[in-house]
Amino acid sequence: MLIIARHGRTAANASGLLLGRADPELDEHGRRQAAAIAAALPPIDRVIASPLRRAQETAAAIGLPVETDERWIELDYGDWDGLPIGEVPSNAWASWRADLEFCPPGGECLADLGRRVRAACDDLVAVATEANVLVVSHVSPVKAAVAWALGVGDEATWRMFVGTASISRIEFREDRPVLTSFDEVGHLPQP
């Protein structure tokens, strides 16, 4: 099974900031969320994480060696990284939703993120068919992995919500991905 978890909370997440390649650590609540993820999972055979600290810290809570895969890093928001979400102009949001090739100034487009995450997912099919693989990542790569499992395009990611420290599960049936859960949050402590 491929289990994909979004990292625990950071102060920037709690403040409603766009958090792409900035690299803050988990806050105290985020560390409790990481422990809750670890407690909610079946036995894990392999742990993979984005290189960003918040994902690495969350993955470390599992207690196994953590492999780093750059393809699971968050979308590059470029000049918008660290901005309050409400400060991104509404016309920019409209352009972004309408065009998968739209890039925030100095950033990355959703189509590029989708391509790298689909490649990472494809590379895990064989092992996740036989073992439990946990990937700890970020909101946009989690959405892209779910779109991959469902066989839909990246435009579907705009219709998903992925909570902090949520868990999604993808099983493989005859080497075909099947989304068996999405955005699980029942394991989480309340702030």
Protein backbone atom coordinates (compact mmCIF):
# COMPACT_ATOMS: atom_id res chain seq x y z
CA MET A 1 0.00 0.00 0.00
CA LEU A 2 1.11 3.54 -0.71
CA ILE A 3 0.26 5.75 2.26
CA ILE A 4 0.66 9.47 1.73
CA ALA A 5 0.64 11.84 4.70
CA ARG A 6 0.79 15.59 4.72
CA HIS A 7 3.30 16.94 7.22
CA GLY A 8 2.32 18.27 10.63
CA ARG A 9 1.51 21.90 11.33
CA THR A 10 4.00 24.75 11.30
CA ALA A 11 3.50 28.27 12.63
CA ALA A 12 3.29 29.44 8.99
CA ASN A 13 0.48 26.94 8.23
CA ALA A 14 -1.37 28.05 11.36
CA SER A 15 -1.06 31.68 10.21
CA GLY A 16 -2.59 31.00 6.77
CA LEU A 17 0.57 31.65 4.76
CA LEU A 18 1.40 30.08 1.41
CA LEU A 19 4.16 27.69 2.34
CA GLY A 20 6.10 26.30 -0.58
CA ARG A 21 9.86 25.98 -0.45
CA ALA A 22 10.27 27.93 2.80
CA ASP A 23 11.61 25.53 5.39
CA PRO A 24 10.14 26.08 8.86
CA GLU A 25 10.09 23.37 11.49
CA LEU A 26 6.97 21.86 12.98
CA ASP A 27 5.38 23.73 15.85
CA GLU A 28 4.50 21.88 19.07
CA HIS A 29 1.06 20.95 17.76
CA GLY A 30 2.66 19.72 14.53
CA ARG A 31 4.96 17.43 16.54
CA ARG A 32 1.91 15.95 18.29
CA GLN A 33 0.29 15.48 14.87
CA ALA A 34 3.39 13.66 13.60
CA ALA A 35 3.20 11.28 16.57
CA ALA A 36 -0.51 10.75 15.87
CA ILE A 37 0.23 9.85 12.25
CA ALA A 38 2.79 7.29 13.40
CA ALA A 39 0.29 5.76 15.85
CA ALA A 40 -2.46 5.54 13.20
CA LEU A 41 -0.48 3.60 10.60
CA PRO A 42 -0.09 -0.11 9.99
CA PRO A 43 3.47 -1.47 10.17
CA ILE A 44 5.53 0.53 7.68
CA ASP A 45 8.28 -1.03 5.57
CA ARG A 46 9.71 2.06 3.89
CA VAL A 47 9.52 5.81 4.61
CA ILE A 48 10.09 8.48 1.97
CA ALA A 49 9.82 12.24 2.50
CA SER A 50 10.22 15.57 0.84
CA PRO A 51 13.54 17.24 1.68
CA LEU A 52 11.81 20.06 3.56
CA ARG A 53 12.19 20.06 7.35
CA ARG A 54 8.47 19.87 8.13
CA ALA A 55 8.14 16.66 6.09
CA GLN A 56 11.40 15.19 7.41
CA GLU A 57 10.36 15.82 11.03
CA THR A 58 6.96 14.24 10.46
CA ALA A 59 8.52 11.21 8.76
CA ALA A 60 11.07 10.79 11.55
CA ALA A 61 8.22 10.19 14.02
CA ILE A 62 7.74 6.76 12.40
CA GLY A 63 11.07 5.65 13.84
CA LEU A 64 12.51 4.19 10.64
CA PRO A 65 15.22 5.51 8.32
CA VAL A 66 13.82 8.24 6.07
CA GLU A 67 14.67 8.33 2.36
CA THR A 68 14.55 11.77 0.76
CA ASP A 69 12.99 12.16 -2.68
CA GLU A 70 13.06 15.68 -4.16
CA ARG A 71 10.05 14.88 -6.34
CA TRP A 72 7.81 15.05 -3.25
CA ILE A 73 8.79 18.67 -2.42
CA GLU A 74 6.01 21.26 -2.24
CA LEU A 75 5.06 23.44 -5.19
CA ASP A 76 7.42 26.36 -5.63
CA TYR A 77 5.30 29.46 -5.00
CA GLY A 78 8.20 31.70 -6.04
CA ASP A 79 7.62 35.31 -5.01
CA TRP A 80 4.39 34.32 -3.28
CA ASP A 81 6.07 31.97 -0.80
CA GLY A 82 5.23 33.19 2.69
CA LEU A 83 2.40 35.49 1.59
CA PRO A 84 -0.94 35.36 3.37
CA ILE A 85 -3.26 33.47 1.04
CA GLY A 86 -5.62 36.46 0.91
CA GLU A 87 -2.86 38.70 -0.52
CA VAL A 88 -2.66 36.75 -3.78
CA PRO A 89 -4.79 38.81 -6.19
CA SER A 90 -8.11 37.23 -7.19
CA ASN A 91 -7.26 37.55 -10.90
CA ALA A 92 -4.06 35.56 -10.25
CA TRP A 93 -6.09 32.78 -8.57
CA ALA A 94 -8.42 32.75 -11.59
CA SER A 95 -5.48 32.48 -14.01
CA TRP A 96 -3.91 29.75 -11.91
CA ARG A 97 -7.11 27.67 -11.80
CA ALA A 98 -7.70 28.09 -15.54
CA ASP A 99 -4.20 27.20 -16.75
CA LEU A 100 -2.10 24.29 -15.43
CA GLU A 101 0.96 25.94 -17.02
CA PHE A 102 0.45 29.15 -15.01
CA CYS A 103 3.41 29.85 -12.73
CA PRO A 104 3.46 32.20 -9.77
CA PRO A 105 6.19 34.79 -10.38
CA GLY A 106 9.49 32.93 -10.02
CA GLY A 107 7.66 29.69 -9.18
CA GLU A 108 6.50 26.37 -10.60
CA CYS A 109 3.36 25.41 -12.51
CA LEU A 110 0.96 22.68 -11.41
CA ALA A 111 1.60 20.73 -14.61
CA ASP A 112 5.31 20.40 -13.75
CA LEU A 113 4.49 19.36 -10.20
CA GLY A 114 2.01 16.79 -11.52
CA ARG A 115 4.59 15.31 -13.87
CA ARG A 116 7.21 14.86 -11.16
CA VAL A 117 4.76 13.40 -8.63
CA ARG A 118 3.28 10.96 -11.17
CA ALA A 119 6.82 9.77 -11.96
CA ALA A 120 7.51 9.30 -8.24
CA CYS A 121 4.26 7.34 -7.86
CA ASP A 122 5.02 5.17 -10.90
CA ASP A 123 8.41 4.33 -9.37
CA LEU A 124 6.71 3.09 -6.17
CA VAL A 125 4.09 0.78 -7.71
CA ALA A 126 6.17 -2.41 -7.55
CA VAL A 127 7.28 -1.97 -3.95
CA ALA A 128 3.93 -0.62 -2.68
CA THR A 129 2.16 -3.62 -4.20
CA GLU A 130 4.11 -5.85 -1.79
CA ALA A 131 4.88 -3.57 1.19
CA ASN A 132 3.57 -0.57 3.10
CA VAL A 133 5.31 2.56 1.85
CA LEU A 134 4.76 5.87 3.62
CA VAL A 135 5.43 9.12 1.78
CA VAL A 136 5.38 12.32 3.83
CA SER A 137 4.85 15.34 1.63
CA HIS A 138 2.85 18.54 1.21
CA VAL A 139 -0.60 19.62 0.09
CA SER A 140 0.08 19.97 -3.65
CA PRO A 141 2.02 16.70 -4.09
CA VAL A 142 -0.59 14.82 -2.04
CA LYS A 143 -3.30 16.14 -4.35
CA ALA A 144 -1.23 15.21 -7.42
CA ALA A 145 -0.75 11.66 -6.11
CA VAL A 146 -4.50 11.31 -5.54
CA ALA A 147 -5.16 12.57 -9.08
CA TRP A 148 -2.65 9.97 -10.33
CA ALA A 149 -4.44 7.19 -8.40
CA LEU A 150 -7.80 8.26 -9.79
CA GLY A 151 -6.48 8.57 -13.34
CA VAL A 152 -7.61 12.18 -13.65
CA GLY A 153 -5.78 15.30 -14.76
CA ASP A 154 -4.10 17.85 -12.55
CA GLU A 155 -7.07 20.21 -12.89
CA ALA A 156 -8.87 17.96 -10.38
CA THR A 157 -6.46 19.05 -7.66
CA TRP A 158 -8.30 22.37 -7.38
CA ARG A 159 -11.33 20.38 -6.17
CA MET A 160 -9.51 18.69 -3.28
CA PHE A 161 -8.80 19.74 0.28
CA VAL A 162 -5.90 18.13 2.11
CA GLY A 163 -5.73 18.86 5.82
CA THR A 164 -2.51 19.20 7.76
CA ALA A 165 -1.26 15.81 8.98
CA SER A 166 -3.97 13.98 7.03
CA ILE A 167 -3.48 10.49 5.63
CA SER A 168 -4.53 9.13 2.23
CA ARG A 169 -4.16 5.49 1.19
CA ILE A 170 -3.68 3.94 -2.23
CA GLU A 171 -3.82 0.17 -2.70
CA PHE A 172 -2.80 -1.71 -5.81
CA ARG A 173 -5.05 -4.27 -7.44
CA GLU A 174 -3.48 -5.96 -10.43
CA ASP A 175 -0.91 -3.10 -10.49
CA ARG A 176 -3.76 -0.57 -10.75
CA PRO A 177 -3.90 2.14 -8.09
CA VAL A 178 -7.13 2.32 -6.09
CA LEU A 179 -7.73 5.21 -3.70
CA THR A 180 -9.06 3.59 -0.51
CA SER A 181 -9.08 6.66 1.75
CA PHE A 182 -8.54 10.38 1.38
CA ASP A 183 -7.79 13.17 3.87
CA GLU A 184 -8.15 11.03 7.02
CA VAL A 185 -7.96 13.25 10.09
CA GLY A 186 -9.69 11.21 12.83
CA HIS A 187 -6.32 10.29 14.33
CA LEU A 188 -5.34 13.89 15.06
CA PRO A 189 -5.25 15.65 18.41
CA GLN A 190 -7.28 18.84 18.65
CA PRO A 191 -5.28 22.10 18.94
